[in-house]
Amino acid sequence: MTNASVTVKRITSFVVDAENKPGTMAKFMKGMREGGVDLMGVWAFATIGEEAKIHSIPWDEKKFLETCKKMGIDPRPRTTYYITGENRVGALCETLDKIAAAGINFRALDAISIGDKFRAYIWGDRTNNEALAKTLGV
């Protein structure tokens, strides 16, 4: 989907189960560095007890998967919608209104602005990814 100020692309992100303990993220990122993997985005958060999740969006999926294999990590792919555009007040409203009007719920949204641009990522539910893709025009 593209309009005057917003572009949406369907991409693949990956989730990895991890331990919720000091150094886990440092070890993961060191492995990515050693594998020459550049990440578009990475998020880490605790889930339950001593468990955590690391979500990553690599620029080069093949290199990411090869590096994960060398690290003994088994990442699971997830459909993700990457939204970019000019940063302005309410930049995501039109996109979110379309999703709401279609009656679609999504699992997560992350957005950040840097200077005059913004980036956002939406993760759909496995049961509605096709409907979300159709609504977003991708």
N, C-alpha and C. Protein backbone atom coordinates (compact mmCIF):
# COMPACT_ATOMS: atom_id res chain seq x y z
N MET A 1 0.86 -1.18 0.00
CA MET A 1 0.00 0.00 0.00
C MET A 1 0.89 1.23 0.00
N THR A 2 0.61 2.15 -0.89
CA THR A 2 1.35 3.40 -0.91
C THR A 2 0.36 4.54 -1.07
N ASN A 3 0.51 5.56 -0.26
CA ASN A 3 -0.22 6.80 -0.49
C ASN A 3 0.81 7.91 -0.45
N ALA A 4 0.38 9.16 -0.42
CA ALA A 4 1.31 10.29 -0.52
C ALA A 4 2.41 10.24 0.52
N SER A 5 2.13 9.69 1.70
CA SER A 5 3.16 9.76 2.74
C SER A 5 3.43 8.44 3.47
N VAL A 6 2.76 7.35 3.08
CA VAL A 6 2.94 6.07 3.78
C VAL A 6 3.13 4.93 2.78
N THR A 7 4.10 4.07 3.06
CA THR A 7 4.33 2.86 2.27
C THR A 7 4.26 1.66 3.21
N VAL A 8 3.57 0.60 2.78
CA VAL A 8 3.46 -0.62 3.57
C VAL A 8 4.03 -1.78 2.77
N LYS A 9 4.86 -2.60 3.42
CA LYS A 9 5.42 -3.80 2.79
C LYS A 9 5.19 -4.99 3.72
N ARG A 10 4.94 -6.12 3.13
CA ARG A 10 4.83 -7.37 3.89
C ARG A 10 6.23 -7.98 3.94
N ILE A 11 6.73 -8.20 5.16
CA ILE A 11 8.08 -8.73 5.33
C ILE A 11 8.03 -9.90 6.32
N THR A 12 9.17 -10.52 6.54
CA THR A 12 9.26 -11.61 7.51
C THR A 12 10.14 -11.19 8.67
N SER A 13 9.63 -11.40 9.87
CA SER A 13 10.43 -11.24 11.07
C SER A 13 10.62 -12.63 11.66
N PHE A 14 11.49 -12.73 12.63
CA PHE A 14 11.78 -14.02 13.25
C PHE A 14 11.74 -13.88 14.76
N VAL A 15 11.20 -14.90 15.42
CA VAL A 15 11.16 -14.93 16.88
C VAL A 15 12.00 -16.09 17.37
N VAL A 16 12.73 -15.83 18.44
CA VAL A 16 13.62 -16.81 19.05
C VAL A 16 13.27 -16.89 20.54
N ASP A 17 13.16 -18.10 21.05
CA ASP A 17 13.01 -18.28 22.49
C ASP A 17 14.37 -18.09 23.14
N ALA A 18 14.39 -17.42 24.28
CA ALA A 18 15.65 -17.13 24.94
C ALA A 18 15.46 -17.20 26.45
N GLU A 19 16.56 -17.23 27.16
CA GLU A 19 16.52 -17.20 28.61
C GLU A 19 16.42 -15.75 29.08
N ASN A 20 15.67 -15.52 30.12
CA ASN A 20 15.54 -14.20 30.71
C ASN A 20 16.60 -14.06 31.80
N LYS A 21 17.82 -13.77 31.35
CA LYS A 21 18.92 -13.63 32.30
C LYS A 21 19.95 -12.65 31.73
N PRO A 22 20.76 -12.06 32.59
CA PRO A 22 21.77 -11.12 32.12
C PRO A 22 22.70 -11.74 31.08
N GLY A 23 22.97 -10.99 30.04
CA GLY A 23 23.90 -11.42 29.00
C GLY A 23 23.28 -12.12 27.81
N THR A 24 22.01 -12.50 27.91
CA THR A 24 21.38 -13.22 26.81
C THR A 24 21.36 -12.38 25.54
N MET A 25 20.94 -11.15 25.66
CA MET A 25 20.85 -10.28 24.48
C MET A 25 22.24 -9.93 23.95
N ALA A 26 23.19 -9.72 24.86
CA ALA A 26 24.56 -9.42 24.44
C ALA A 26 25.13 -10.59 23.62
N LYS A 27 24.87 -11.80 24.07
CA LYS A 27 25.35 -13.00 23.37
C LYS A 27 24.70 -13.10 21.98
N PHE A 28 23.39 -12.85 21.91
CA PHE A 28 22.68 -12.90 20.64
C PHE A 28 23.25 -11.87 19.67
N MET A 29 23.41 -10.64 20.14
CA MET A 29 23.89 -9.57 19.26
C MET A 29 25.35 -9.80 18.85
N LYS A 30 26.15 -10.36 19.73
CA LYS A 30 27.53 -10.67 19.38
C LYS A 30 27.55 -11.72 18.26
N GLY A 31 26.68 -12.72 18.36
CA GLY A 31 26.58 -13.72 17.30
C GLY A 31 26.17 -13.10 15.98
N MET A 32 25.23 -12.15 16.02
CA MET A 32 24.81 -11.47 14.80
C MET A 32 25.97 -10.68 14.21
N ARG A 33 26.71 -10.00 15.07
CA ARG A 33 27.87 -9.23 14.60
C ARG A 33 28.90 -10.15 13.96
N GLU A 34 29.21 -11.26 14.63
CA GLU A 34 30.20 -12.19 14.10
C GLU A 34 29.75 -12.82 12.78
N GLY A 35 28.44 -12.96 12.61
CA GLY A 35 27.91 -13.49 11.36
C GLY A 35 27.72 -12.44 10.29
N GLY A 36 28.03 -11.18 10.61
CA GLY A 36 27.88 -10.09 9.65
C GLY A 36 26.43 -9.76 9.35
N VAL A 37 25.54 -10.03 10.34
CA VAL A 37 24.11 -9.81 10.14
C VAL A 37 23.73 -8.40 10.57
N ASP A 38 23.14 -7.65 9.64
CA ASP A 38 22.62 -6.31 9.92
C ASP A 38 21.12 -6.45 10.15
N LEU A 39 20.65 -5.92 11.25
CA LEU A 39 19.23 -6.03 11.59
C LEU A 39 18.50 -4.71 11.37
N MET A 40 17.37 -4.80 10.70
CA MET A 40 16.49 -3.66 10.52
C MET A 40 15.86 -3.28 11.85
N GLY A 41 15.57 -4.31 12.65
CA GLY A 41 14.98 -4.09 13.96
C GLY A 41 15.19 -5.30 14.84
N VAL A 42 15.25 -5.06 16.14
CA VAL A 42 15.36 -6.15 17.11
C VAL A 42 14.67 -5.71 18.40
N TRP A 43 13.89 -6.63 18.97
CA TRP A 43 13.17 -6.38 20.21
C TRP A 43 13.38 -7.58 21.11
N ALA A 44 13.53 -7.34 22.40
CA ALA A 44 13.67 -8.43 23.35
C ALA A 44 12.82 -8.10 24.57
N PHE A 45 12.15 -9.11 25.09
CA PHE A 45 11.32 -8.88 26.27
C PHE A 45 11.09 -10.18 27.01
N ALA A 46 10.92 -10.04 28.31
CA ALA A 46 10.62 -11.19 29.15
C ALA A 46 9.18 -11.62 28.91
N THR A 47 8.93 -12.91 29.06
CA THR A 47 7.56 -13.41 28.92
C THR A 47 7.08 -13.93 30.27
N ILE A 48 7.32 -15.19 30.56
CA ILE A 48 6.88 -15.78 31.82
C ILE A 48 8.08 -16.41 32.52
N GLY A 49 8.22 -16.14 33.81
CA GLY A 49 9.30 -16.77 34.57
C GLY A 49 10.66 -16.42 34.02
N GLU A 50 11.40 -17.45 33.66
CA GLU A 50 12.76 -17.25 33.17
C GLU A 50 12.85 -17.31 31.65
N GLU A 51 11.72 -17.09 31.00
CA GLU A 51 11.69 -17.14 29.54
C GLU A 51 11.65 -15.73 28.95
N ALA A 52 12.15 -15.62 27.74
CA ALA A 52 12.14 -14.36 27.02
C ALA A 52 11.98 -14.65 25.53
N LYS A 53 11.71 -13.62 24.77
CA LYS A 53 11.61 -13.72 23.31
C LYS A 53 12.48 -12.64 22.70
N ILE A 54 13.11 -12.99 21.61
CA ILE A 54 13.85 -12.01 20.81
C ILE A 54 13.21 -12.01 19.43
N HIS A 55 12.72 -10.85 19.01
CA HIS A 55 12.15 -10.68 17.67
C HIS A 55 13.16 -9.91 16.84
N SER A 56 13.43 -10.39 15.64
CA SER A 56 14.42 -9.76 14.77
C SER A 56 13.89 -9.64 13.36
N ILE A 57 14.30 -8.55 12.72
CA ILE A 57 14.03 -8.38 11.29
C ILE A 57 15.37 -8.12 10.62
N PRO A 58 15.90 -9.14 9.96
CA PRO A 58 17.19 -8.97 9.29
C PRO A 58 17.03 -8.36 7.89
N TRP A 59 18.03 -7.63 7.48
CA TRP A 59 18.04 -7.13 6.11
C TRP A 59 18.29 -8.28 5.13
N ASP A 60 19.10 -9.26 5.58
CA ASP A 60 19.45 -10.40 4.74
C ASP A 60 19.01 -11.67 5.48
N GLU A 61 17.85 -12.22 5.08
CA GLU A 61 17.30 -13.39 5.77
C GLU A 61 18.23 -14.60 5.70
N LYS A 62 18.82 -14.84 4.54
CA LYS A 62 19.68 -16.00 4.37
C LYS A 62 20.86 -15.95 5.34
N LYS A 63 21.52 -14.81 5.42
CA LYS A 63 22.65 -14.65 6.32
C LYS A 63 22.21 -14.79 7.78
N PHE A 64 21.04 -14.25 8.11
CA PHE A 64 20.50 -14.36 9.47
C PHE A 64 20.26 -15.82 9.83
N LEU A 65 19.60 -16.56 8.95
CA LEU A 65 19.29 -17.97 9.22
C LEU A 65 20.56 -18.82 9.31
N GLU A 66 21.53 -18.55 8.47
CA GLU A 66 22.81 -19.26 8.54
C GLU A 66 23.51 -18.98 9.88
N THR A 67 23.49 -17.74 10.31
CA THR A 67 24.12 -17.36 11.57
C THR A 67 23.39 -18.00 12.74
N CYS A 68 22.06 -18.00 12.71
CA CYS A 68 21.29 -18.64 13.78
C CYS A 68 21.63 -20.12 13.87
N LYS A 69 21.75 -20.76 12.74
CA LYS A 69 22.08 -22.19 12.72
C LYS A 69 23.44 -22.43 13.40
N LYS A 70 24.43 -21.59 13.07
CA LYS A 70 25.76 -21.71 13.68
C LYS A 70 25.69 -21.48 15.19
N MET A 71 24.74 -20.63 15.62
CA MET A 71 24.59 -20.31 17.05
C MET A 71 23.73 -21.34 17.78
N GLY A 72 23.16 -22.28 17.04
CA GLY A 72 22.28 -23.27 17.65
C GLY A 72 20.91 -22.72 18.00
N ILE A 73 20.49 -21.71 17.25
CA ILE A 73 19.20 -21.05 17.47
C ILE A 73 18.24 -21.47 16.36
N ASP A 74 16.99 -21.71 16.72
CA ASP A 74 15.97 -22.10 15.75
C ASP A 74 14.90 -21.01 15.67
N PRO A 75 15.09 -20.00 14.82
CA PRO A 75 14.12 -18.91 14.72
C PRO A 75 12.86 -19.34 13.97
N ARG A 76 11.72 -18.79 14.40
CA ARG A 76 10.44 -19.06 13.74
C ARG A 76 10.01 -17.81 12.98
N PRO A 77 9.63 -17.97 11.70
CA PRO A 77 9.21 -16.82 10.91
C PRO A 77 7.84 -16.32 11.32
N ARG A 78 7.65 -15.02 11.19
CA ARG A 78 6.37 -14.36 11.46
C ARG A 78 6.12 -13.32 10.36
N THR A 79 4.89 -13.25 9.92
CA THR A 79 4.52 -12.21 8.96
C THR A 79 4.45 -10.87 9.69
N THR A 80 5.07 -9.90 9.09
CA THR A 80 5.15 -8.56 9.68
C THR A 80 4.87 -7.54 8.59
N TYR A 81 4.25 -6.45 8.96
CA TYR A 81 3.96 -5.38 8.01
C TYR A 81 4.81 -4.17 8.40
N TYR A 82 5.63 -3.75 7.45
CA TYR A 82 6.58 -2.66 7.64
C TYR A 82 6.00 -1.40 7.01
N ILE A 83 5.82 -0.39 7.82
CA ILE A 83 5.17 0.85 7.38
C ILE A 83 6.17 1.99 7.53
N THR A 84 6.35 2.76 6.48
CA THR A 84 7.27 3.89 6.53
C THR A 84 6.59 5.11 5.94
N GLY A 85 7.07 6.26 6.34
CA GLY A 85 6.53 7.48 5.78
C GLY A 85 7.11 8.72 6.42
N GLU A 86 6.56 9.84 6.02
CA GLU A 86 6.95 11.12 6.59
C GLU A 86 6.39 11.22 8.00
N ASN A 87 7.23 11.64 8.92
CA ASN A 87 6.78 11.80 10.29
C ASN A 87 5.93 13.07 10.40
N ARG A 88 4.73 12.88 10.94
CA ARG A 88 3.82 13.99 11.18
C ARG A 88 2.83 13.54 12.24
N VAL A 89 2.16 14.46 12.84
CA VAL A 89 1.16 14.12 13.84
C VAL A 89 0.09 13.25 13.18
N GLY A 90 -0.21 12.11 13.78
CA GLY A 90 -1.24 11.23 13.25
C GLY A 90 -0.83 10.41 12.04
N ALA A 91 0.46 10.23 11.82
CA ALA A 91 0.94 9.55 10.61
C ALA A 91 0.38 8.14 10.44
N LEU A 92 0.11 7.45 11.53
CA LEU A 92 -0.41 6.08 11.45
C LEU A 92 -1.93 5.99 11.46
N CYS A 93 -2.60 7.08 11.71
CA CYS A 93 -4.06 7.04 11.89
C CYS A 93 -4.81 6.45 10.70
N GLU A 94 -4.48 6.86 9.49
CA GLU A 94 -5.19 6.36 8.32
C GLU A 94 -5.03 4.84 8.19
N THR A 95 -3.82 4.36 8.37
CA THR A 95 -3.55 2.92 8.30
C THR A 95 -4.32 2.18 9.38
N LEU A 96 -4.25 2.67 10.60
CA LEU A 96 -4.93 2.01 11.72
C LEU A 96 -6.45 2.07 11.56
N ASP A 97 -6.97 3.17 11.00
CA ASP A 97 -8.41 3.27 10.74
C ASP A 97 -8.86 2.22 9.73
N LYS A 98 -8.05 1.97 8.71
CA LYS A 98 -8.39 0.94 7.71
C LYS A 98 -8.46 -0.44 8.35
N ILE A 99 -7.49 -0.72 9.21
CA ILE A 99 -7.46 -2.02 9.90
C ILE A 99 -8.69 -2.16 10.80
N ALA A 100 -9.00 -1.10 11.54
CA ALA A 100 -10.16 -1.13 12.45
C ALA A 100 -11.47 -1.28 11.67
N ALA A 101 -11.59 -0.55 10.56
CA ALA A 101 -12.82 -0.61 9.76
C ALA A 101 -13.05 -2.02 9.19
N ALA A 102 -11.95 -2.74 8.96
CA ALA A 102 -12.06 -4.12 8.45
C ALA A 102 -12.32 -5.11 9.58
N GLY A 103 -12.35 -4.63 10.82
CA GLY A 103 -12.61 -5.50 11.97
C GLY A 103 -11.46 -6.45 12.29
N ILE A 104 -10.25 -6.00 11.99
CA ILE A 104 -9.08 -6.85 12.19
C ILE A 104 -8.33 -6.42 13.45
N ASN A 105 -8.00 -7.39 14.27
CA ASN A 105 -7.17 -7.16 15.44
C ASN A 105 -5.76 -7.61 15.12
N PHE A 106 -4.77 -6.93 15.63
CA PHE A 106 -3.39 -7.37 15.42
C PHE A 106 -2.73 -7.62 16.76
N ARG A 107 -1.63 -8.39 16.74
CA ARG A 107 -0.96 -8.80 17.98
C ARG A 107 -0.09 -7.71 18.57
N ALA A 108 0.60 -6.95 17.72
CA ALA A 108 1.54 -5.96 18.24
C ALA A 108 1.81 -4.88 17.21
N LEU A 109 2.20 -3.72 17.72
CA LEU A 109 2.60 -2.59 16.89
C LEU A 109 3.80 -1.96 17.58
N ASP A 110 4.80 -1.61 16.79
CA ASP A 110 5.95 -0.88 17.30
C ASP A 110 6.23 0.22 16.30
N ALA A 111 6.45 1.43 16.78
CA ALA A 111 6.71 2.55 15.88
C ALA A 111 7.74 3.48 16.50
N ILE A 112 8.51 4.12 15.63
CA ILE A 112 9.51 5.08 16.07
C ILE A 112 9.70 6.12 14.97
N SER A 113 9.99 7.33 15.38
CA SER A 113 10.32 8.36 14.39
C SER A 113 11.76 8.80 14.60
N ILE A 114 12.41 9.05 13.48
CA ILE A 114 13.77 9.56 13.49
C ILE A 114 13.80 10.71 12.50
N GLY A 115 13.96 11.89 13.02
CA GLY A 115 13.96 13.05 12.15
C GLY A 115 12.60 13.23 11.48
N ASP A 116 12.59 13.32 10.17
CA ASP A 116 11.33 13.56 9.46
C ASP A 116 10.70 12.28 8.92
N LYS A 117 11.20 11.10 9.33
CA LYS A 117 10.66 9.82 8.88
C LYS A 117 10.18 8.99 10.06
N PHE A 118 9.22 8.12 9.81
CA PHE A 118 8.81 7.16 10.84
C PHE A 118 8.85 5.77 10.24
N ARG A 119 9.00 4.80 11.14
CA ARG A 119 8.91 3.38 10.79
C ARG A 119 7.97 2.74 11.80
N ALA A 120 7.16 1.83 11.30
CA ALA A 120 6.28 1.08 12.20
C ALA A 120 6.23 -0.35 11.71
N TYR A 121 6.00 -1.24 12.65
CA TYR A 121 5.87 -2.66 12.36
C TYR A 121 4.60 -3.16 13.00
N ILE A 122 3.80 -3.89 12.24
CA ILE A 122 2.58 -4.49 12.77
C ILE A 122 2.69 -6.00 12.59
N TRP A 123 2.41 -6.71 13.67
CA TRP A 123 2.38 -8.17 13.63
C TRP A 123 0.93 -8.60 13.73
N GLY A 124 0.45 -9.31 12.70
CA GLY A 124 -0.92 -9.80 12.71
C GLY A 124 -1.02 -11.11 13.47
N ASP A 125 -2.22 -11.54 13.64
CA ASP A 125 -2.49 -12.84 14.22
C ASP A 125 -2.41 -13.86 13.09
N ARG A 126 -1.95 -15.06 13.37
CA ARG A 126 -1.82 -16.07 12.31
C ARG A 126 -3.14 -16.33 11.60
N THR A 127 -4.25 -16.10 12.28
CA THR A 127 -5.56 -16.38 11.69
C THR A 127 -6.05 -15.26 10.78
N ASN A 128 -5.41 -14.09 10.81
CA ASN A 128 -5.93 -12.98 10.01
C ASN A 128 -4.89 -12.29 9.13
N ASN A 129 -3.73 -12.92 8.93
CA ASN A 129 -2.70 -12.27 8.14
C ASN A 129 -3.12 -11.97 6.71
N GLU A 130 -3.86 -12.87 6.09
CA GLU A 130 -4.30 -12.61 4.72
C GLU A 130 -5.28 -11.45 4.65
N ALA A 131 -6.19 -11.38 5.60
CA ALA A 131 -7.13 -10.26 5.65
C ALA A 131 -6.40 -8.96 5.93
N LEU A 132 -5.42 -9.00 6.79
CA LEU A 132 -4.64 -7.80 7.09
C LEU A 132 -3.85 -7.36 5.86
N ALA A 133 -3.24 -8.31 5.16
CA ALA A 133 -2.50 -7.99 3.95
C ALA A 133 -3.42 -7.35 2.90
N LYS A 134 -4.59 -7.91 2.74
CA LYS A 134 -5.55 -7.35 1.76
C LYS A 134 -5.96 -5.94 2.15
N THR A 135 -6.23 -5.74 3.42
CA THR A 135 -6.62 -4.40 3.90
C THR A 135 -5.51 -3.39 3.68
N LEU A 136 -4.27 -3.82 3.88
CA LEU A 136 -3.13 -2.92 3.72
C LEU A 136 -2.66 -2.82 2.26
N GLY A 137 -3.25 -3.63 1.39
CA GLY A 137 -2.91 -3.56 -0.03
C GLY A 137 -1.57 -4.17 -0.39
N VAL A 138 -1.15 -5.19 0.38
CA VAL A 138 0.15 -5.83 0.09
C VAL A 138 -0.01 -7.33 -0.04
